[in-house]
Amino acid sequence: MAKQERAVRTRATVLRSAAEIFDTDGFVAASLSSISHRAGVSSGALHFHFANKGALAEAIEKAAEQRLWRITGPAPDWADDHGPEGDVDLIQNLVDTSHQLFDGLNNDVILRAGFTLGCEPSWASLVDLHGQWRDWIGDTLRHAAKVGALADGTEPEDVVTVVAASTVGFEALGRKDPSWLSRQRLGQFWQFMLPRLVPPGTGLQKGT
């Protein structure tokens, strides 16, 4: 059992070290020797768990996909009979979930590296984290429109475009400047968006 536990810890350490290097150096520049050195394991120990650099990238993306799923869960499918408070919760949940995503990008290198790998032209990504995030936003906003939680004249697809492009843009900018992933920066975005997004008098919090 102790041997099995050590193997699990070693695999997790190698995966995290690879994520750190992919996140800072990119897929092409990353080397297995630098990953094993950072992880403090031999080359043989690394290869025991991962055959090559591609296998590491695949494992990071799959782990990041699971982390993103834990943040978003399925798109809300709340019954219409939740009434006005439930309607407001749809948009508040969108705001809160975006903050949770940014917290994850700030604090979880595997989640962050998964998004970074998705933008690598030299890596044929098997997981579309940006698409997963965009689809969740779209499902949430279409449901919000269905139950009357959007302001009159607000088309959900227009909002999806703005919210998805903005949040993904913040994620990209945050790779160079972490202030783009701060709660303050995202809060400013929602303070601008919410008055245009929700009906007057809903009492929705201001982007925090």
Protein backbone atom coordinates (compact mmCIF):
# COMPACT_ATOMS: atom_id res chain seq x y z
CA MET A 1 0.00 0.00 0.00
CA ALA A 2 2.85 2.39 0.89
CA LYS A 3 4.46 1.72 -2.50
CA GLN A 4 1.18 2.45 -4.26
CA GLU A 5 0.75 5.68 -2.30
CA ARG A 6 4.26 6.77 -3.25
CA ALA A 7 3.48 6.11 -6.89
CA VAL A 8 0.33 8.24 -6.67
CA ARG A 9 2.28 11.07 -5.00
CA THR A 10 5.06 10.84 -7.58
CA ARG A 11 2.59 11.01 -10.44
CA ALA A 12 0.88 14.04 -8.91
CA THR A 13 4.23 15.77 -8.36
CA VAL A 14 5.34 15.14 -11.94
CA LEU A 15 2.00 16.38 -13.27
CA ARG A 16 2.16 19.57 -11.25
CA SER A 17 5.77 20.21 -12.26
CA ALA A 18 4.87 19.71 -15.92
CA ALA A 19 1.93 22.09 -15.55
CA GLU A 20 4.19 24.75 -14.04
CA ILE A 21 6.66 24.49 -16.91
CA PHE A 22 4.00 24.31 -19.64
CA ASP A 23 2.35 27.36 -18.08
CA THR A 24 5.52 29.48 -18.09
CA ASP A 25 7.56 28.10 -20.99
CA GLY A 26 4.95 26.63 -23.34
CA PHE A 27 4.68 23.12 -24.73
CA VAL A 28 7.51 23.31 -27.28
CA ALA A 29 10.13 24.78 -24.94
CA ALA A 30 9.30 22.41 -22.08
CA SER A 31 11.61 19.41 -21.79
CA LEU A 32 11.18 16.15 -19.94
CA SER A 33 14.53 16.69 -18.22
CA SER A 34 13.43 20.06 -16.84
CA ILE A 35 10.14 18.53 -15.68
CA SER A 36 11.83 15.62 -13.92
CA HIS A 37 14.35 18.00 -12.34
CA ARG A 38 11.62 20.27 -10.99
CA ALA A 39 9.67 17.27 -9.72
CA GLY A 40 12.76 15.87 -8.03
CA VAL A 41 12.43 12.48 -9.70
CA SER A 42 14.57 10.47 -12.06
CA SER A 43 13.91 10.28 -15.78
CA GLY A 44 12.97 6.64 -15.30
CA ALA A 45 10.37 7.52 -12.66
CA LEU A 46 8.84 10.11 -14.98
CA HIS A 47 8.67 7.66 -17.88
CA PHE A 48 7.09 5.06 -15.63
CA HIS A 49 4.04 7.31 -15.37
CA PHE A 50 4.15 9.21 -18.68
CA ALA A 51 5.55 7.88 -21.94
CA ASN A 52 6.32 11.29 -23.41
CA LYS A 53 5.60 15.01 -23.23
CA GLY A 54 2.35 14.57 -25.11
CA ALA A 55 1.07 12.12 -22.52
CA LEU A 56 1.80 14.70 -19.83
CA ALA A 57 -0.08 17.39 -21.74
CA GLU A 58 -3.05 15.08 -22.24
CA ALA A 59 -3.17 14.24 -18.53
CA ILE A 60 -3.00 17.92 -17.58
CA GLU A 61 -5.83 18.80 -19.94
CA LYS A 62 -8.02 15.99 -18.64
CA ALA A 63 -7.35 17.05 -15.05
CA ALA A 64 -8.08 20.68 -15.96
CA GLU A 65 -11.33 19.61 -17.63
CA GLN A 66 -12.42 17.92 -14.40
CA ARG A 67 -11.50 21.01 -12.40
CA LEU A 68 -13.50 23.26 -14.71
CA TRP A 69 -16.45 20.89 -14.46
CA ARG A 70 -16.28 21.10 -10.66
CA ILE A 71 -16.38 24.91 -10.92
CA THR A 72 -19.29 25.15 -13.34
CA GLY A 73 -21.14 21.88 -12.96
CA PRO A 74 -23.84 21.39 -15.57
CA ALA A 75 -25.60 24.47 -16.86
CA PRO A 76 -28.45 25.42 -14.51
CA ASP A 77 -31.71 23.66 -15.31
CA TRP A 78 -33.83 25.09 -12.58
CA ALA A 79 -37.59 24.78 -12.89
CA ASP A 80 -39.56 27.83 -13.95
CA ASP A 81 -41.57 27.64 -10.74
CA HIS A 82 -38.59 28.92 -8.73
CA GLY A 83 -40.07 32.36 -9.29
CA PRO A 84 -38.29 35.73 -9.34
CA GLU A 85 -35.66 34.77 -6.76
CA GLY A 86 -34.68 31.73 -8.79
CA ASP A 87 -34.53 33.86 -11.93
CA VAL A 88 -32.12 36.29 -10.31
CA ASP A 89 -30.03 33.37 -9.06
CA LEU A 90 -29.31 32.32 -12.65
CA ILE A 91 -27.42 35.53 -13.35
CA GLN A 92 -25.92 35.72 -9.87
CA ASN A 93 -24.67 32.17 -10.39
CA LEU A 94 -23.02 33.26 -13.65
CA VAL A 95 -21.25 36.10 -11.82
CA ASP A 96 -20.21 33.89 -8.91
CA THR A 97 -18.99 31.10 -11.19
CA SER A 98 -16.85 33.50 -13.22
CA HIS A 99 -15.19 34.61 -9.97
CA GLN A 100 -14.62 30.96 -9.01
CA LEU A 101 -13.03 30.33 -12.40
CA PHE A 102 -10.68 33.28 -12.00
CA ASP A 103 -9.80 32.16 -8.47
CA GLY A 104 -8.97 28.76 -9.95
CA LEU A 105 -6.83 30.28 -12.68
CA ASN A 106 -4.94 32.26 -10.04
CA ASN A 107 -4.41 29.39 -7.61
CA ASP A 108 -4.50 26.12 -9.57
CA VAL A 109 -1.59 25.73 -11.99
CA ILE A 110 -3.08 22.60 -13.55
CA LEU A 111 -6.29 24.43 -14.46
CA ARG A 112 -4.26 27.37 -15.75
CA ALA A 113 -1.92 25.15 -17.76
CA GLY A 114 -4.92 23.38 -19.29
CA PHE A 115 -6.17 26.68 -20.67
CA THR A 116 -2.66 27.61 -21.79
CA LEU A 117 -2.20 24.33 -23.66
CA GLY A 118 -5.50 24.95 -25.44
CA CYS A 119 -3.91 27.98 -27.11
CA GLU A 120 -0.69 26.24 -28.15
CA PRO A 121 -0.52 26.07 -31.97
CA SER A 122 2.07 23.28 -31.73
CA TRP A 123 -0.10 21.07 -29.52
CA ALA A 124 -3.14 19.24 -30.89
CA SER A 125 -5.34 19.74 -27.86
CA LEU A 126 -7.86 17.00 -27.15
CA VAL A 127 -9.86 19.12 -24.70
CA ASP A 128 -11.54 22.44 -25.47
CA LEU A 129 -11.70 24.22 -22.12
CA HIS A 130 -12.53 27.55 -23.73
CA GLY A 131 -15.39 25.91 -25.62
CA GLN A 132 -16.59 24.16 -22.46
CA TRP A 133 -16.69 27.50 -20.64
CA ARG A 134 -18.41 29.25 -23.56
CA ASP A 135 -21.03 26.52 -23.85
CA TRP A 136 -21.81 26.71 -20.13
CA ILE A 137 -22.27 30.48 -20.37
CA GLY A 138 -24.53 30.01 -23.40
CA ASP A 139 -26.72 27.39 -21.73
CA THR A 140 -27.02 29.53 -18.60
CA LEU A 141 -28.01 32.66 -20.49
CA ARG A 142 -30.47 30.89 -22.77
CA HIS A 143 -32.18 29.46 -19.71
CA ALA A 144 -32.16 32.92 -18.10
CA ALA A 145 -33.87 34.34 -21.20
CA LYS A 146 -36.44 31.55 -21.09
CA VAL A 147 -37.50 32.39 -17.53
CA GLY A 148 -37.42 36.17 -18.05
CA ALA A 149 -34.23 36.89 -16.11
CA LEU A 150 -32.74 39.07 -18.88
CA ALA A 151 -33.65 42.68 -19.54
CA ASP A 152 -36.18 43.33 -22.29
CA GLY A 153 -34.58 43.34 -25.71
CA THR A 154 -31.48 41.51 -24.51
CA GLU A 155 -30.61 38.62 -26.79
CA PRO A 156 -28.81 35.78 -24.97
CA GLU A 157 -26.50 35.03 -27.91
CA ASP A 158 -25.28 38.64 -27.90
CA VAL A 159 -24.51 38.39 -24.20
CA VAL A 160 -22.76 35.04 -24.69
CA THR A 161 -20.46 36.66 -27.23
CA VAL A 162 -19.56 39.54 -24.91
CA VAL A 163 -19.17 37.52 -21.71
CA ALA A 164 -17.27 34.61 -23.28
CA ALA A 165 -14.95 36.86 -25.29
CA SER A 166 -14.29 39.14 -22.32
CA THR A 167 -13.60 36.45 -19.75
CA VAL A 168 -11.43 34.43 -22.14
CA GLY A 169 -9.63 37.65 -23.03
CA PHE A 170 -8.96 38.30 -19.35
CA GLU A 171 -7.58 34.76 -19.06
CA ALA A 172 -5.21 35.36 -21.99
CA LEU A 173 -4.06 38.74 -20.68
CA GLY A 174 -3.65 37.25 -17.22
CA ARG A 175 -0.87 34.98 -18.46
CA LYS A 176 1.36 38.05 -18.65
CA ASP A 177 -0.30 40.29 -16.06
CA PRO A 178 -2.11 38.54 -13.17
CA SER A 179 -4.05 41.72 -12.35
CA TRP A 180 -6.38 40.83 -15.24
CA LEU A 181 -7.52 37.85 -13.17
CA SER A 182 -8.17 39.84 -10.01
CA ARG A 183 -11.58 40.00 -8.36
CA GLN A 184 -11.48 43.78 -8.73
CA ARG A 185 -10.97 43.62 -12.50
CA LEU A 186 -13.72 41.05 -13.01
CA GLY A 187 -15.99 42.99 -10.67
CA GLN A 188 -15.53 46.10 -12.81
CA PHE A 189 -16.59 44.12 -15.85
CA TRP A 190 -19.77 42.88 -14.17
CA GLN A 191 -20.58 46.33 -12.79
CA PHE A 192 -20.58 47.52 -16.39
CA MET A 193 -22.54 44.54 -17.71
CA LEU A 194 -25.24 43.90 -15.12
CA PRO A 195 -27.31 47.10 -15.59
CA ARG A 196 -27.57 46.20 -19.28
CA LEU A 197 -28.20 42.52 -18.62
CA VAL A 198 -30.88 42.19 -15.96
CA PRO A 199 -34.32 43.81 -15.52
CA PRO A 200 -34.40 46.94 -13.31
CA GLY A 201 -35.04 46.41 -9.63
CA THR A 202 -33.81 42.82 -9.39
CA GLY A 203 -31.48 43.65 -6.50
CA LEU A 204 -28.66 41.68 -8.10
CA GLN A 205 -25.28 42.20 -6.49
CA LYS A 206 -22.87 44.43 -8.38
CA GLY A 207 -20.47 41.94 -9.83
CA THR A 208 -18.82 40.83 -6.61
